[in-house]
Amino acid sequence: MKTTLDLPSDLVQEIKLRAANEGRTLKDVAADLLRSALAPSSKSNSLHASVVSKNLPMIKALSTPTQSTASLTDQEFCNCVKQAELDLEVDRYEEAFGHQHVDRTQH
């Protein structure tokens, strides 16, 4: 059956990455994720329903700038934030694709 869903772009990206890593289609991965989310729990005890999953994401802290952010110009602060976001994005893709980027220095 064909249907259209309006999903957050970050969620679609994660599903696409999983599909690429597993060598499967986006449709098949999405269907399996929906099936597993809708499957009845094997635990019938309501106490178990309130337990939080232990598969929590790792949260990385942004690196501390070498100088106080109070002394940065607006442009320097924006550049610092952009670099931190870029570093996090590179880490995320390296983890998703199972390899490390060779040169992470700026030229």
C-alpha atoms as a PDB file:
ATOM      1  CA  MET A   1       0.000   0.000   0.000  1.00  0.00           C
ATOM      2  CA  LYS A   2       1.290   3.424  -0.865  1.00  0.00           C
ATOM      3  CA  THR A   3       0.924   6.374   1.517  1.00  0.00           C
ATOM      4  CA  THR A   4       2.575   9.744   2.138  1.00  0.00           C
ATOM      5  CA  LEU A   5       3.952  10.767   5.519  1.00  0.00           C
ATOM      6  CA  ASP A   6       5.413  14.118   6.524  1.00  0.00           C
ATOM      7  CA  LEU A   7       8.388  13.106   8.696  1.00  0.00           C
ATOM      8  CA  PRO A   8      11.117  15.212  10.285  1.00  0.00           C
ATOM      9  CA  SER A   9      14.145  15.356   7.989  1.00  0.00           C
ATOM     10  CA  ASP A  10      16.557  14.173  10.709  1.00  0.00           C
ATOM     11  CA  LEU A  11      14.437  11.034  11.204  1.00  0.00           C
ATOM     12  CA  VAL A  12      14.406  10.310   7.462  1.00  0.00           C
ATOM     13  CA  GLN A  13      18.200  10.787   7.353  1.00  0.00           C
ATOM     14  CA  GLU A  14      18.662   8.256  10.166  1.00  0.00           C
ATOM     15  CA  ILE A  15      16.464   5.725   8.368  1.00  0.00           C
ATOM     16  CA  LYS A  16      18.366   6.314   5.118  1.00  0.00           C
ATOM     17  CA  LEU A  17      21.700   5.800   6.889  1.00  0.00           C
ATOM     18  CA  ARG A  18      20.452   2.577   8.457  1.00  0.00           C
ATOM     19  CA  ALA A  19      19.188   1.351   5.081  1.00  0.00           C
ATOM     20  CA  ALA A  20      22.521   2.160   3.425  1.00  0.00           C
ATOM     21  CA  ASN A  21      24.493   0.460   6.208  1.00  0.00           C
ATOM     22  CA  GLU A  22      22.321  -2.650   5.974  1.00  0.00           C
ATOM     23  CA  GLY A  23      22.187  -2.680   2.158  1.00  0.00           C
ATOM     24  CA  ARG A  24      18.397  -2.488   2.219  1.00  0.00           C
ATOM     25  CA  THR A  25      15.761  -0.192   0.775  1.00  0.00           C
ATOM     26  CA  LEU A  26      14.354   2.747   2.714  1.00  0.00           C
ATOM     27  CA  LYS A  27      10.889   1.215   2.358  1.00  0.00           C
ATOM     28  CA  ASP A  28      11.924  -2.104   3.919  1.00  0.00           C
ATOM     29  CA  VAL A  29      13.770  -0.511   6.838  1.00  0.00           C
ATOM     30  CA  ALA A  30      10.882   1.871   7.560  1.00  0.00           C
ATOM     31  CA  ALA A  31       8.387  -1.005   7.448  1.00  0.00           C
ATOM     32  CA  ASP A  32      10.489  -3.097   9.856  1.00  0.00           C
ATOM     33  CA  LEU A  33      10.861  -0.164  12.260  1.00  0.00           C
ATOM     34  CA  LEU A  34       7.103   0.436  12.240  1.00  0.00           C
ATOM     35  CA  ARG A  35       6.393  -3.273  12.753  1.00  0.00           C
ATOM     36  CA  SER A  36       8.744  -3.485  15.721  1.00  0.00           C
ATOM     37  CA  ALA A  37       7.267  -0.340  17.283  1.00  0.00           C
ATOM     38  CA  LEU A  38       3.709  -1.647  16.885  1.00  0.00           C
ATOM     39  CA  ALA A  39       4.428  -5.212  18.009  1.00  0.00           C
ATOM     40  CA  PRO A  40       2.827  -6.123  21.329  1.00  0.00           C
ATOM     41  CA  SER A  41       5.282  -6.226  24.192  1.00  0.00           C
ATOM     42  CA  SER A  42       6.264  -9.672  25.410  1.00  0.00           C
ATOM     43  CA  LYS A  43       6.017  -8.349  28.977  1.00  0.00           C
ATOM     44  CA  SER A  44       2.408  -8.163  30.092  1.00  0.00           C
ATOM     45  CA  ASN A  45       3.239  -6.646  33.487  1.00  0.00           C
ATOM     46  CA  SER A  46       2.418  -2.915  33.543  1.00  0.00           C
ATOM     47  CA  LEU A  47       5.445  -2.308  35.773  1.00  0.00           C
ATOM     48  CA  HIS A  48       7.716  -3.259  32.888  1.00  0.00           C
ATOM     49  CA  ALA A  49       5.947  -0.830  30.552  1.00  0.00           C
ATOM     50  CA  SER A  50       7.311   2.137  32.494  1.00  0.00           C
ATOM     51  CA  VAL A  51      10.950   0.980  32.282  1.00  0.00           C
ATOM     52  CA  VAL A  52      13.097   3.149  30.030  1.00  0.00           C
ATOM     53  CA  SER A  53      15.147   1.458  27.328  1.00  0.00           C
ATOM     54  CA  LYS A  54      18.861   1.193  28.096  1.00  0.00           C
ATOM     55  CA  ASN A  55      19.793   1.907  24.481  1.00  0.00           C
ATOM     56  CA  LEU A  56      20.340   5.604  25.050  1.00  0.00           C
ATOM     57  CA  PRO A  57      22.315   7.705  22.561  1.00  0.00           C
ATOM     58  CA  MET A  58      25.788   8.910  23.428  1.00  0.00           C
ATOM     59  CA  ILE A  59      25.821  12.669  23.902  1.00  0.00           C
ATOM     60  CA  LYS A  60      29.106  14.388  23.215  1.00  0.00           C
ATOM     61  CA  ALA A  61      29.938  17.685  24.838  1.00  0.00           C
ATOM     62  CA  LEU A  62      31.157  20.477  22.616  1.00  0.00           C
ATOM     63  CA  SER A  63      34.834  21.185  23.004  1.00  0.00           C
ATOM     64  CA  THR A  64      35.637  24.212  25.118  1.00  0.00           C
ATOM     65  CA  PRO A  65      36.959  27.131  23.070  1.00  0.00           C
ATOM     66  CA  THR A  66      40.536  28.164  23.822  1.00  0.00           C
ATOM     67  CA  GLN A  67      39.367  31.614  24.844  1.00  0.00           C
ATOM     68  CA  SER A  68      36.382  32.828  26.806  1.00  0.00           C
ATOM     69  CA  THR A  69      33.256  33.121  24.683  1.00  0.00           C
ATOM     70  CA  ALA A  70      32.647  36.534  26.266  1.00  0.00           C
ATOM     71  CA  SER A  71      35.712  37.914  24.479  1.00  0.00           C
ATOM     72  CA  LEU A  72      34.754  36.522  21.055  1.00  0.00           C
ATOM     73  CA  THR A  73      33.328  38.708  18.327  1.00  0.00           C
ATOM     74  CA  ASP A  74      29.993  37.634  16.870  1.00  0.00           C
ATOM     75  CA  GLN A  75      31.763  36.190  13.818  1.00  0.00           C
ATOM     76  CA  GLU A  76      34.319  34.286  15.931  1.00  0.00           C
ATOM     77  CA  PHE A  77      31.538  32.837  18.076  1.00  0.00           C
ATOM     78  CA  CYS A  78      29.572  31.764  14.973  1.00  0.00           C
ATOM     79  CA  ASN A  79      32.718  30.171  13.531  1.00  0.00           C
ATOM     80  CA  CYS A  80      33.292  28.290  16.800  1.00  0.00           C
ATOM     81  CA  VAL A  81      29.709  26.968  16.786  1.00  0.00           C
ATOM     82  CA  LYS A  82      29.934  26.008  13.093  1.00  0.00           C
ATOM     83  CA  GLN A  83      33.176  24.097  13.694  1.00  0.00           C
ATOM     84  CA  ALA A  84      31.712  22.271  16.685  1.00  0.00           C
ATOM     85  CA  GLU A  85      28.631  21.306  14.648  1.00  0.00           C
ATOM     86  CA  LEU A  86      30.831  20.161  11.758  1.00  0.00           C
ATOM     87  CA  ASP A  87      32.936  18.026  14.121  1.00  0.00           C
ATOM     88  CA  LEU A  88      29.794  16.409  15.543  1.00  0.00           C
ATOM     89  CA  GLU A  89      28.416  15.755  12.057  1.00  0.00           C
ATOM     90  CA  VAL A  90      31.701  14.161  10.940  1.00  0.00           C
ATOM     91  CA  ASP A  91      31.685  11.966  14.070  1.00  0.00           C
ATOM     92  CA  ARG A  92      28.103  10.926  13.329  1.00  0.00           C
ATOM     93  CA  TYR A  93      28.854   9.914   9.734  1.00  0.00           C
ATOM     94  CA  GLU A  94      32.058   8.133  10.758  1.00  0.00           C
ATOM     95  CA  GLU A  95      30.070   6.086  13.255  1.00  0.00           C
ATOM     96  CA  ALA A  96      27.304   5.395  10.727  1.00  0.00           C
ATOM     97  CA  PHE A  97      29.668   4.250   7.976  1.00  0.00           C
ATOM     98  CA  GLY A  98      32.200   2.538  10.211  1.00  0.00           C
ATOM     99  CA  HIS A  99      35.315   4.417   9.157  1.00  0.00           C
ATOM    100  CA  GLN A 100      37.214   7.486  10.222  1.00  0.00           C
ATOM    101  CA  HIS A 101      37.855  10.570   8.148  1.00  0.00           C
ATOM    102  CA  VAL A 102      41.581  10.819   7.502  1.00  0.00           C
ATOM    103  CA  ASP A 103      42.245  14.562   7.783  1.00  0.00           C
ATOM    104  CA  ARG A 104      40.120  16.592  10.190  1.00  0.00           C
ATOM    105  CA  THR A 105      42.320  19.684  10.205  1.00  0.00           C
ATOM    106  CA  GLN A 106      41.266  22.878   8.517  1.00  0.00           C
ATOM    107  CA  HIS A 107      43.497  24.327   5.828  1.00  0.00           C
END
